[in-house]
C-alpha atoms as a PDB file:
ATOM      1  CA  MET A   1      37.676-174.512 -27.226  1.00  0.00           C
ATOM      2  CA  GLY A   2      40.702-172.324 -28.131  1.00  0.00           C
ATOM      3  CA  PRO A   3      42.391-172.015 -31.538  1.00  0.00           C
ATOM      4  CA  ARG A   4      41.811-174.623 -34.198  1.00  0.00           C
ATOM      5  CA  PRO A   5      44.586-177.165 -34.878  1.00  0.00           C
ATOM      6  CA  ALA A   6      47.110-175.973 -37.444  1.00  0.00           C
ATOM      7  CA  THR A   7      46.193-178.959 -39.631  1.00  0.00           C
ATOM      8  CA  VAL A   8      42.840-177.386 -40.581  1.00  0.00           C
ATOM      9  CA  ASN A   9      43.101-176.039 -44.123  1.00  0.00           C
ATOM     10  CA  ARG A  10      40.481-173.300 -44.329  1.00  0.00           C
ATOM     11  CA  LEU A  11      41.268-172.671 -47.998  1.00  0.00           C
ATOM     12  CA  ASP A  12      40.372-176.220 -48.998  1.00  0.00           C
ATOM     13  CA  PRO A  13      37.002-176.184 -50.840  1.00  0.00           C
ATOM     14  CA  ALA A  14      35.897-179.002 -48.543  1.00  0.00           C
ATOM     15  CA  TYR A  15      36.056-176.480 -45.681  1.00  0.00           C
ATOM     16  CA  TYR A  16      33.942-173.671 -47.145  1.00  0.00           C
ATOM     17  CA  GLU A  17      31.754-175.414 -49.729  1.00  0.00           C
ATOM     18  CA  GLN A  18      28.450-176.674 -48.368  1.00  0.00           C
ATOM     19  CA  ALA A  19      28.153-180.435 -48.382  1.00  0.00           C
ATOM     20  CA  ARG A  20      24.406-180.363 -49.028  1.00  0.00           C
ATOM     21  CA  LEU A  21      22.524-177.867 -51.182  1.00  0.00           C
ATOM     22  CA  PRO A  22      18.875-177.700 -52.222  1.00  0.00           C
ATOM     23  CA  GLY A  23      18.455-179.358 -55.588  1.00  0.00           C
ATOM     24  CA  ARG A  24      17.662-176.155 -57.432  1.00  0.00           C
ATOM     25  CA  PHE A  25      21.075-174.733 -56.596  1.00  0.00           C
ATOM     26  CA  ALA A  26      22.850-177.689 -58.133  1.00  0.00           C
ATOM     27  CA  ALA A  27      21.001-176.954 -61.359  1.00  0.00           C
ATOM     28  CA  LEU A  28      22.315-173.356 -61.269  1.00  0.00           C
ATOM     29  CA  ALA A  29      25.959-174.340 -60.788  1.00  0.00           C
ATOM     30  CA  SER A  30      28.237-172.921 -63.464  1.00  0.00           C
ATOM     31  CA  VAL A  31      31.602-171.236 -63.929  1.00  0.00           C
ATOM     32  CA  PRO A  32      31.173-167.445 -64.095  1.00  0.00           C
ATOM     33  CA  ASP A  33      32.795-165.430 -66.847  1.00  0.00           C
ATOM     34  CA  THR A  34      34.261-163.280 -64.047  1.00  0.00           C
ATOM     35  CA  LEU A  35      36.011-164.797 -61.005  1.00  0.00           C
ATOM     36  CA  PRO A  36      35.025-168.410 -60.250  1.00  0.00           C
ATOM     37  CA  ALA A  37      34.410-169.841 -56.796  1.00  0.00           C
ATOM     38  CA  GLY A  38      37.620-170.193 -54.809  1.00  0.00           C
ATOM     39  CA  SER A  39      39.322-167.202 -56.429  1.00  0.00           C
ATOM     40  CA  PRO A  40      40.925-164.468 -54.293  1.00  0.00           C
ATOM     41  CA  ALA A  41      38.262-162.338 -52.547  1.00  0.00           C
ATOM     42  CA  LYS A  42      35.565-164.925 -53.400  1.00  0.00           C
ATOM     43  CA  VAL A  43      36.054-166.933 -50.200  1.00  0.00           C
ATOM     44  CA  GLY A  44      35.269-165.137 -46.947  1.00  0.00           C
ATOM     45  CA  ILE A  45      36.188-166.925 -43.720  1.00  0.00           C
ATOM     46  CA  LEU A  46      35.781-165.876 -40.113  1.00  0.00           C
ATOM     47  CA  ASP A  47      36.747-168.261 -37.308  1.00  0.00           C
ATOM     48  CA  LEU A  48      36.400-166.851 -33.781  1.00  0.00           C
ATOM     49  CA  ALA A  49      36.992-168.533 -30.415  1.00  0.00           C
ATOM     50  CA  PHE A  50      35.905-167.047 -27.086  1.00  0.00           C
ATOM     51  CA  GLU A  51      36.819-168.024 -23.518  1.00  0.00           C
ATOM     52  CA  ARG A  52      35.988-166.707 -20.058  1.00  0.00           C
ATOM     53  CA  MET A  53      39.148-165.081 -18.713  1.00  0.00           C
ATOM     54  CA  GLY A  54      39.769-162.619 -15.894  1.00  0.00           C
ATOM     55  CA  GLY A  55      36.103-162.067 -15.152  1.00  0.00           C
ATOM     56  CA  ARG A  56      34.949-161.365 -18.720  1.00  0.00           C
ATOM     57  CA  THR A  57      34.691-162.975 -22.146  1.00  0.00           C
ATOM     58  CA  GLU A  58      37.818-162.614 -24.275  1.00  0.00           C
ATOM     59  CA  LEU A  59      38.497-163.338 -27.931  1.00  0.00           C
ATOM     60  CA  VAL A  60      41.254-165.972 -27.735  1.00  0.00           C
ATOM     61  CA  GLY A  61      41.352-167.152 -31.342  1.00  0.00           C
ATOM     62  CA  ARG A  62      40.754-165.334 -34.625  1.00  0.00           C
ATOM     63  CA  TYR A  63      41.212-166.228 -38.268  1.00  0.00           C
ATOM     64  CA  GLN A  64      39.747-163.911 -40.862  1.00  0.00           C
ATOM     65  CA  LYS A  65      39.962-163.780 -44.623  1.00  0.00           C
ATOM     66  CA  THR A  66      38.631-160.894 -46.671  1.00  0.00           C
ATOM     67  CA  PRO A  67      35.878-160.045 -47.395  1.00  0.00           C
ATOM     68  CA  LEU A  68      34.865-161.089 -43.844  1.00  0.00           C
ATOM     69  CA  GLN A  69      36.544-159.380 -40.915  1.00  0.00           C
ATOM     70  CA  ILE A  70      36.026-157.941 -37.439  1.00  0.00           C
ATOM     71  CA  MET A  71      37.612-155.316 -35.244  1.00  0.00           C
ATOM     72  CA  ARG A  72      38.292-155.944 -31.550  1.00  0.00           C
ATOM     73  CA  PRO A  73      35.385-156.949 -29.289  1.00  0.00           C
ATOM     74  CA  LEU A  74      33.536-154.166 -27.491  1.00  0.00           C
ATOM     75  CA  TYR A  75      32.097-154.199 -23.976  1.00  0.00           C
ATOM     76  CA  ILE A  76      29.122-151.874 -24.295  1.00  0.00           C
ATOM     77  CA  ASP A  77      26.408-153.364 -22.083  1.00  0.00           C
ATOM     78  CA  PRO A  78      26.353-151.520 -18.745  1.00  0.00           C
ATOM     79  CA  HIS A  79      24.315-154.352 -17.195  1.00  0.00           C
ATOM     80  CA  LEU A  80      26.514-157.173 -18.546  1.00  0.00           C
ATOM     81  CA  PRO A  81      29.952-155.527 -18.755  1.00  0.00           C
ATOM     82  CA  GLU A  82      31.664-158.901 -19.142  1.00  0.00           C
ATOM     83  CA  MET A  83      29.838-159.658 -22.420  1.00  0.00           C
ATOM     84  CA  ALA A  84      31.847-159.384 -25.656  1.00  0.00           C
ATOM     85  CA  PHE A  85      30.126-157.666 -28.598  1.00  0.00           C
ATOM     86  CA  VAL A  86      31.494-158.379 -32.070  1.00  0.00           C
ATOM     87  CA  TYR A  87      30.507-156.646 -35.309  1.00  0.00           C
ATOM     88  CA  VAL A  88      31.074-158.600 -38.529  1.00  0.00           C
ATOM     89  CA  MET A  89      32.074-156.492 -41.539  1.00  0.00           C
ATOM     90  CA  ALA A  90      32.105-157.411 -45.231  1.00  0.00           C
ATOM     91  CA  THR A  91      34.690-155.347 -47.082  1.00  0.00           C
ATOM     92  CA  GLY A  92      33.290-156.250 -50.506  1.00  0.00           C
ATOM     93  CA  GLY A  93      30.048-154.350 -49.933  1.00  0.00           C
ATOM     94  CA  GLY A  94      27.849-157.351 -50.670  1.00  0.00           C
ATOM     95  CA  VAL A  95      27.641-161.007 -51.667  1.00  0.00           C
ATOM     96  CA  ALA A  96      28.306-161.682 -55.372  1.00  0.00           C
ATOM     97  CA  GLN A  97      27.987-164.685 -57.663  1.00  0.00           C
ATOM     98  CA  ALA A  98      30.233-167.638 -56.756  1.00  0.00           C
ATOM     99  CA  ASP A  99      31.005-166.188 -53.307  1.00  0.00           C
ATOM    100  CA  ARG A 100      31.493-168.734 -50.552  1.00  0.00           C
ATOM    101  CA  TYR A 101      31.392-167.508 -46.935  1.00  0.00           C
ATOM    102  CA  ARG A 102      31.883-169.444 -43.724  1.00  0.00           C
ATOM    103  CA  MET A 103      31.697-168.157 -40.137  1.00  0.00           C
ATOM    104  CA  ASP A 104      32.537-170.195 -37.032  1.00  0.00           C
ATOM    105  CA  LEU A 105      31.678-168.806 -33.582  1.00  0.00           C
ATOM    106  CA  ARG A 106      33.107-171.036 -30.859  1.00  0.00           C
ATOM    107  CA  CYS A 107      31.978-169.885 -27.437  1.00  0.00           C
ATOM    108  CA  GLY A 108      33.520-171.660 -24.460  1.00  0.00           C
ATOM    109  CA  ALA A 109      32.101-172.456 -21.052  1.00  0.00           C
ATOM    110  CA  ASN A 110      30.414-169.551 -19.232  1.00  0.00           C
ATOM    111  CA  THR A 111      31.161-167.066 -22.000  1.00  0.00           C
ATOM    112  CA  GLN A 112      28.777-164.248 -22.902  1.00  0.00           C
ATOM    113  CA  VAL A 113      28.955-163.325 -26.586  1.00  0.00           C
ATOM    114  CA  HIS A 114      26.892-161.148 -28.903  1.00  0.00           C
ATOM    115  CA  VAL A 115      27.627-161.266 -32.638  1.00  0.00           C
ATOM    116  CA  THR A 116      25.914-159.003 -35.149  1.00  0.00           C
ATOM    117  CA  THR A 117      26.715-157.386 -38.493  1.00  0.00           C
ATOM    118  CA  GLN A 118      27.804-153.823 -39.066  1.00  0.00           C
ATOM    119  CA  ALA A 119      24.990-153.339 -41.596  1.00  0.00           C
ATOM    120  CA  ALA A 120      22.478-155.245 -43.701  1.00  0.00           C
ATOM    121  CA  THR A 121      23.843-157.991 -45.947  1.00  0.00           C
ATOM    122  CA  LYS A 122      23.265-157.196 -49.619  1.00  0.00           C
ATOM    123  CA  VAL A 123      23.127-160.121 -52.068  1.00  0.00           C
ATOM    124  CA  TYR A 124      23.776-158.892 -55.596  1.00  0.00           C
ATOM    125  CA  GLY A 125      22.070-160.110 -58.757  1.00  0.00           C
ATOM    126  CA  MET A 126      23.752-163.088 -60.434  1.00  0.00           C
ATOM    127  CA  GLU A 127      24.052-164.319 -63.990  1.00  0.00           C
ATOM    128  CA  HIS A 128      26.088-167.431 -63.190  1.00  0.00           C
ATOM    129  CA  ASP A 129      26.344-169.907 -60.315  1.00  0.00           C
ATOM    130  CA  TYR A 130      25.112-168.893 -56.832  1.00  0.00           C
ATOM    131  CA  ALA A 131      26.440-167.742 -53.426  1.00  0.00           C
ATOM    132  CA  THR A 132      26.480-169.553 -50.088  1.00  0.00           C
ATOM    133  CA  GLN A 133      27.122-168.782 -46.444  1.00  0.00           C
ATOM    134  CA  SER A 134      27.725-171.310 -43.688  1.00  0.00           C
ATOM    135  CA  VAL A 135      27.347-170.190 -40.061  1.00  0.00           C
ATOM    136  CA  ARG A 136      28.410-172.513 -37.248  1.00  0.00           C
ATOM    137  CA  VAL A 137      27.771-171.604 -33.630  1.00  0.00           C
ATOM    138  CA  GLU A 138      29.063-173.610 -30.668  1.00  0.00           C
ATOM    139  CA  ALA A 139      27.720-172.644 -27.226  1.00  0.00           C
ATOM    140  CA  GLY A 140      29.627-174.281 -24.388  1.00  0.00           C
ATOM    141  CA  ALA A 141      28.378-175.158 -20.921  1.00  0.00           C
ATOM    142  CA  GLY A 142      26.741-172.239 -19.135  1.00  0.00           C
ATOM    143  CA  SER A 143      27.318-169.829 -22.025  1.00  0.00           C
ATOM    144  CA  PHE A 144      24.964-167.074 -23.207  1.00  0.00           C
ATOM    145  CA  VAL A 145      25.300-166.489 -26.962  1.00  0.00           C
ATOM    146  CA  GLU A 146      23.414-164.122 -29.253  1.00  0.00           C
ATOM    147  CA  TYR A 147      23.708-164.176 -33.049  1.00  0.00           C
ATOM    148  CA  LEU A 148      21.512-161.343 -34.344  1.00  0.00           C
ATOM    149  CA  PRO A 149      22.628-160.129 -37.792  1.00  0.00           C
ATOM    150  CA  ASP A 150      21.010-157.233 -39.619  1.00  0.00           C
ATOM    151  CA  PRO A 151      18.536-158.008 -42.459  1.00  0.00           C
ATOM    152  CA  LEU A 152      19.392-159.784 -45.674  1.00  0.00           C
ATOM    153  CA  ILE A 153      18.550-157.752 -48.800  1.00  0.00           C
ATOM    154  CA  PRO A 154      18.427-159.792 -52.022  1.00  0.00           C
ATOM    155  CA  PHE A 155      18.769-157.852 -55.273  1.00  0.00           C
ATOM    156  CA  ALA A 156      16.948-158.892 -58.438  1.00  0.00           C
ATOM    157  CA  GLU A 157      18.204-162.285 -59.712  1.00  0.00           C
ATOM    158  CA  ALA A 158      20.017-163.093 -56.457  1.00  0.00           C
ATOM    159  CA  ARG A 159      20.740-166.755 -55.759  1.00  0.00           C
ATOM    160  CA  PHE A 160      21.682-167.412 -52.147  1.00  0.00           C
ATOM    161  CA  HIS A 161      21.730-170.297 -49.679  1.00  0.00           C
ATOM    162  CA  GLN A 162      22.569-170.032 -45.974  1.00  0.00           C
ATOM    163  CA  HIS A 163      23.093-172.988 -43.678  1.00  0.00           C
ATOM    164  CA  THR A 164      23.241-172.289 -39.927  1.00  0.00           C
ATOM    165  CA  GLN A 165      24.369-175.070 -37.602  1.00  0.00           C
ATOM    166  CA  VAL A 166      24.124-174.547 -33.842  1.00  0.00           C
ATOM    167  CA  THR A 167      25.547-176.822 -31.170  1.00  0.00           C
ATOM    168  CA  VAL A 168      24.264-175.856 -27.724  1.00  0.00           C
ATOM    169  CA  ALA A 169      25.122-177.403 -24.360  1.00  0.00           C
ATOM    170  CA  ASP A 170      22.250-178.509 -22.139  1.00  0.00           C
ATOM    171  CA  ASP A 171      22.645-175.521 -19.798  1.00  0.00           C
ATOM    172  CA  ALA A 172      23.619-172.920 -22.412  1.00  0.00           C
ATOM    173  CA  THR A 173      21.412-170.233 -23.953  1.00  0.00           C
ATOM    174  CA  VAL A 174      21.423-169.217 -27.615  1.00  0.00           C
ATOM    175  CA  LEU A 175      19.361-166.420 -29.163  1.00  0.00           C
ATOM    176  CA  LEU A 176      19.186-166.455 -32.970  1.00  0.00           C
ATOM    177  CA  GLY A 177      17.648-163.903 -35.307  1.00  0.00           C
ATOM    178  CA  GLU A 178      17.115-163.746 -39.055  1.00  0.00           C
ATOM    179  CA  THR A 179      15.322-161.159 -41.185  1.00  0.00           C
ATOM    180  CA  ILE A 180      14.848-161.383 -44.956  1.00  0.00           C
ATOM    181  CA  THR A 181      13.485-158.499 -47.015  1.00  0.00           C
ATOM    182  CA  ALA A 182      11.742-158.527 -50.392  1.00  0.00           C
ATOM    183  CA  GLY A 183      14.625-156.649 -52.033  1.00  0.00           C
ATOM    184  CA  ARG A 184      15.435-153.067 -52.978  1.00  0.00           C
ATOM    185  CA  LEU A 185      11.898-151.787 -52.631  1.00  0.00           C
ATOM    186  CA  ALA A 186      12.844-148.187 -53.462  1.00  0.00           C
ATOM    187  CA  ARG A 187      13.993-149.423 -56.882  1.00  0.00           C
ATOM    188  CA  GLY A 188      10.840-151.420 -57.473  1.00  0.00           C
ATOM    189  CA  GLU A 189      12.498-154.789 -56.795  1.00  0.00           C
ATOM    190  CA  ARG A 190       9.957-156.781 -54.831  1.00  0.00           C
ATOM    191  CA  HIS A 191      10.627-160.509 -54.558  1.00  0.00           C
ATOM    192  CA  ALA A 192      12.613-160.306 -57.785  1.00  0.00           C
ATOM    193  CA  TYR A 193      15.386-162.636 -56.584  1.00  0.00           C
ATOM    194  CA  ARG A 194      15.889-165.965 -58.356  1.00  0.00           C
ATOM    195  CA  ILE A 195      15.964-168.142 -55.229  1.00  0.00           C
ATOM    196  CA  LEU A 196      16.651-167.724 -51.511  1.00  0.00           C
ATOM    197  CA  ALA A 197      17.006-170.636 -49.127  1.00  0.00           C
ATOM    198  CA  THR A 198      17.950-170.882 -45.465  1.00  0.00           C
ATOM    199  CA  ASP A 199      18.422-173.951 -43.298  1.00  0.00           C
ATOM    200  CA  LEU A 200      18.795-173.996 -39.516  1.00  0.00           C
ATOM    201  CA  GLU A 201      19.846-177.041 -37.493  1.00  0.00           C
ATOM    202  CA  VAL A 202      20.210-177.038 -33.704  1.00  0.00           C
ATOM    203  CA  ARG A 203      21.834-179.977 -31.916  1.00  0.00           C
ATOM    204  CA  ARG A 204      23.262-181.004 -28.573  1.00  0.00           C
ATOM    205  CA  PRO A 205      27.010-181.698 -28.331  1.00  0.00           C
ATOM    206  CA  ASP A 206      26.344-185.437 -28.611  1.00  0.00           C
ATOM    207  CA  GLY A 207      24.644-184.875 -31.977  1.00  0.00           C
ATOM    208  CA  ARG A 208      21.029-185.115 -30.832  1.00  0.00           C
ATOM    209  CA  LEU A 209      18.834-183.076 -33.149  1.00  0.00           C
ATOM    210  CA  LEU A 210      16.659-180.476 -31.401  1.00  0.00           C
ATOM    211  CA  LEU A 211      15.115-178.610 -34.298  1.00  0.00           C
ATOM    212  CA  VAL A 212      15.233-177.929 -38.015  1.00  0.00           C
ATOM    213  CA  ASP A 213      13.817-174.876 -39.759  1.00  0.00           C
ATOM    214  CA  THR A 214      13.874-174.342 -43.510  1.00  0.00           C
ATOM    215  CA  LEU A 215      12.816-171.402 -45.636  1.00  0.00           C
ATOM    216  CA  ARG A 216      12.505-171.550 -49.429  1.00  0.00           C
ATOM    217  CA  LEU A 217      11.626-168.401 -51.363  1.00  0.00           C
ATOM    218  CA  ASP A 218      11.465-167.587 -55.026  1.00  0.00           C
ATOM    219  CA  ALA A 219       9.751-164.845 -57.000  1.00  0.00           C
ATOM    220  CA  GLY A 220       6.577-166.869 -57.496  1.00  0.00           C
ATOM    221  CA  ALA A 221       6.186-168.721 -54.209  1.00  0.00           C
ATOM    222  CA  ALA A 222       6.849-165.743 -51.919  1.00  0.00           C
ATOM    223  CA  PHE A 223       3.330-164.400 -52.439  1.00  0.00           C
ATOM    224  CA  GLY A 224       1.593-167.630 -51.386  1.00  0.00           C
ATOM    225  CA  PRO A 225      -0.642-167.654 -48.277  1.00  0.00           C
ATOM    226  CA  ALA A 226       1.535-170.287 -46.584  1.00  0.00           C
ATOM    227  CA  VAL A 227       4.755-168.342 -47.220  1.00  0.00           C
ATOM    228  CA  LEU A 228       4.840-164.521 -46.987  1.00  0.00           C
ATOM    229  CA  ALA A 229       1.239-163.878 -48.052  1.00  0.00           C
ATOM    230  CA  GLY A 230       2.365-160.895 -50.099  1.00  0.00           C
ATOM    231  CA  HIS A 231       4.362-159.227 -47.331  1.00  0.00           C
ATOM    232  CA  ASP A 232       7.792-157.702 -47.850  1.00  0.00           C
ATOM    233  CA  HIS A 233       9.651-158.894 -44.764  1.00  0.00           C
ATOM    234  CA  VAL A 234       9.911-162.068 -42.706  1.00  0.00           C
ATOM    235  CA  SER A 235      11.745-162.120 -39.391  1.00  0.00           C
ATOM    236  CA  SER A 236      12.419-165.099 -37.123  1.00  0.00           C
ATOM    237  CA  PHE A 237      13.710-165.194 -33.552  1.00  0.00           C
ATOM    238  CA  PHE A 238      14.711-168.405 -31.754  1.00  0.00           C
ATOM    239  CA  VAL A 239      15.379-168.804 -28.032  1.00  0.00           C
ATOM    240  CA  ILE A 240      17.129-172.066 -27.129  1.00  0.00           C
ATOM    241  CA  THR A 241      17.491-172.332 -23.366  1.00  0.00           C
ATOM    242  CA  ALA A 242      16.702-174.355 -20.278  1.00  0.00           C
ATOM    243  CA  GLY A 243      16.739-171.166 -18.197  1.00  0.00           C
ATOM    244  CA  LYS A 244      12.959-170.757 -18.263  1.00  0.00           C
ATOM    245  CA  PRO A 245      10.030-173.075 -19.117  1.00  0.00           C
ATOM    246  CA  PRO A 246       9.168-173.025 -22.849  1.00  0.00           C
ATOM    247  CA  GLY A 247       5.610-171.890 -22.148  1.00  0.00           C
ATOM    248  CA  GLU A 248       6.838-168.884 -20.183  1.00  0.00           C
ATOM    249  CA  LEU A 249       9.223-167.982 -23.006  1.00  0.00           C
ATOM    250  CA  ALA A 250       6.417-168.217 -25.556  1.00  0.00           C
ATOM    251  CA  ASP A 251       4.084-166.106 -23.419  1.00  0.00           C
ATOM    252  CA  THR A 252       6.823-163.481 -23.050  1.00  0.00           C
ATOM    253  CA  LEU A 253       7.334-163.291 -26.802  1.00  0.00           C
ATOM    254  CA  HIS A 254       3.593-163.089 -27.425  1.00  0.00           C
ATOM    255  CA  THR A 255       3.164-160.241 -24.943  1.00  0.00           C
ATOM    256  CA  ALA A 256       6.137-158.347 -26.393  1.00  0.00           C
ATOM    257  CA  LEU A 257       4.748-158.434 -29.943  1.00  0.00           C
ATOM    258  CA  ALA A 258       1.025-157.985 -29.299  1.00  0.00           C
ATOM    259  CA  GLU A 259       1.154-154.175 -29.534  1.00  0.00           C
ATOM    260  CA  TYR A 260       2.802-154.051 -32.969  1.00  0.00           C
ATOM    261  CA  GLU A 261      -0.256-155.187 -34.953  1.00  0.00           C
ATOM    262  CA  LEU A 262       1.856-157.351 -37.268  1.00  0.00           C
ATOM    263  CA  PRO A 263       1.065-160.899 -38.386  1.00  0.00           C
ATOM    264  CA  TYR A 264       3.121-163.232 -36.201  1.00  0.00           C
ATOM    265  CA  GLY A 265       3.132-166.682 -34.697  1.00  0.00           C
ATOM    266  CA  VAL A 266       4.703-167.932 -31.457  1.00  0.00           C
ATOM    267  CA  SER A 267       5.324-171.517 -30.440  1.00  0.00           C
ATOM    268  CA  VAL A 268       7.434-173.649 -28.144  1.00  0.00           C
ATOM    269  CA  LEU A 269      10.305-175.511 -29.787  1.00  0.00           C
ATOM    270  CA  PRO A 270      10.600-179.300 -30.125  1.00  0.00           C
ATOM    271  CA  HIS A 271      11.973-181.238 -27.142  1.00  0.00           C
ATOM    272  CA  ASP A 272      11.005-178.300 -24.899  1.00  0.00           C
ATOM    273  CA  CYS A 273      14.300-176.617 -25.755  1.00  0.00           C
ATOM    274  CA  GLY A 274      12.844-173.094 -25.935  1.00  0.00           C
ATOM    275  CA  ALA A 275      10.474-170.973 -28.005  1.00  0.00           C
ATOM    276  CA  TRP A 276      10.402-169.031 -31.247  1.00  0.00           C
ATOM    277  CA  VAL A 277       8.472-166.407 -33.165  1.00  0.00           C
ATOM    278  CA  ARG A 278       8.088-165.528 -36.856  1.00  0.00           C
ATOM    279  CA  VAL A 279       6.868-162.073 -37.891  1.00  0.00           C
ATOM    280  CA  LEU A 280       5.643-160.739 -41.246  1.00  0.00           C
ATOM    281  CA  GLY A 281       5.442-157.081 -42.223  1.00  0.00           C
ATOM    282  CA  ASP A 282       5.784-154.384 -44.865  1.00  0.00           C
ATOM    283  CA  SER A 283       7.486-151.625 -42.851  1.00  0.00           C
ATOM    284  CA  PRO A 284      11.220-152.174 -42.154  1.00  0.00           C
ATOM    285  CA  PRO A 285      11.177-149.939 -39.037  1.00  0.00           C
ATOM    286  CA  ARG A 286       8.140-151.721 -37.564  1.00  0.00           C
ATOM    287  CA  VAL A 287       9.597-155.171 -38.218  1.00  0.00           C
ATOM    288  CA  ALA A 288      12.916-154.050 -36.708  1.00  0.00           C
ATOM    289  CA  ASP A 289      11.137-152.595 -33.669  1.00  0.00           C
ATOM    290  CA  ALA A 290       9.191-155.822 -33.192  1.00  0.00           C
ATOM    291  CA  GLY A 291      12.408-157.834 -33.375  1.00  0.00           C
ATOM    292  CA  ARG A 292      14.067-155.623 -30.809  1.00  0.00           C
ATOM    293  CA  ALA A 293      11.018-155.912 -28.545  1.00  0.00           C
ATOM    294  CA  ALA A 294      11.270-159.714 -28.693  1.00  0.00           C
ATOM    295  CA  TRP A 295      14.999-159.582 -27.919  1.00  0.00           C
ATOM    296  CA  ASP A 296      14.533-157.074 -25.090  1.00  0.00           C
ATOM    297  CA  ALA A 297      11.709-159.048 -23.462  1.00  0.00           C
ATOM    298  CA  THR A 298      13.742-162.260 -23.668  1.00  0.00           C
ATOM    299  CA  ARG A 299      16.798-160.527 -22.209  1.00  0.00           C
ATOM    300  CA  ARG A 300      14.755-159.199 -19.279  1.00  0.00           C
ATOM    301  CA  LEU A 301      13.263-162.620 -18.611  1.00  0.00           C
ATOM    302  CA  LEU A 302      16.545-164.556 -18.759  1.00  0.00           C
ATOM    303  CA  THR A 303      19.023-162.048 -17.310  1.00  0.00           C
ATOM    304  CA  GLY A 304      16.900-159.472 -15.530  1.00  0.00           C
ATOM    305  CA  HIS A 305      18.386-156.737 -17.715  1.00  0.00           C
ATOM    306  CA  PRO A 306      17.249-154.903 -20.874  1.00  0.00           C
ATOM    307  CA  ALA A 307      18.810-155.268 -24.300  1.00  0.00           C
ATOM    308  CA  PRO A 308      21.580-152.689 -24.830  1.00  0.00           C
ATOM    309  CA  ASP A 309      21.982-150.029 -27.487  1.00  0.00           C
ATOM    310  CA  LEU A 310      24.117-151.590 -30.224  1.00  0.00           C
ATOM    311  CA  ARG A 311      25.412-148.197 -31.372  1.00  0.00           C
ATOM    312  CA  LYS A 312      24.672-148.603 -35.045  1.00  0.00           C
ATOM    313  CA  PRO A 313      24.108-145.588 -37.319  1.00  0.00           C
END
């Protein structure tokens, strides 16, 4: 693991531009009448490397470019005091048109890492072009990695694509979460975005594909019975691990969510690599509570300890 070679040019568009976009985004491509893609403050990059050192996980490599940044890792879990907790901050306040973000989380052997965001990610309305975010997670042998960002809030006319690529060793564990809201509901913006798309790929280090999950939302399709069925929030939680049988993981998730009376579905993942759940709802607190219940139950099953308080306002 360790720092990237000095030959990597993170400011080259080939580094932060996504190689493959849904077709509808290509049709939206244009040069804004404000700052175009690649301009100062339009490219946010965060490249973090973690290694096990001196009995705990340490941040051994960091490259950050505004508007993405972090402070030092925290060690806030009394049950797993060796686990590094990192809060990602966006100094720009939200994602704007022609923004290009890329985050790399490289977690070495036997590391324990939790990455979250300081607050919800706001995606502003756009008149030109679109915005993208690439997230790449590498979980080395024996590692335990959690990537659980706060919800994504798309404003009216938002255009956003996120591509998450996860590489997980055979004996590593990765917990992934994603929550998308209908928009600024207090302002009457309900599924008023132009288009939202997310793609998740999980592979082994040798390139073997374990799973793919795609989500495509626009103002018209979001209300369909096979999409959100008129609900305001969709939350997904993936558990990729060989630590417990997939059926036991799925049963644990089902039991954790049964009391919340929300529409949800639980299933094992392809290739018996874990389990996952997707939840729909209209109440942000209830959806958040259900997500935490799934995380807490999974934590107890895999580590024997509860999920910690993340100390967010």
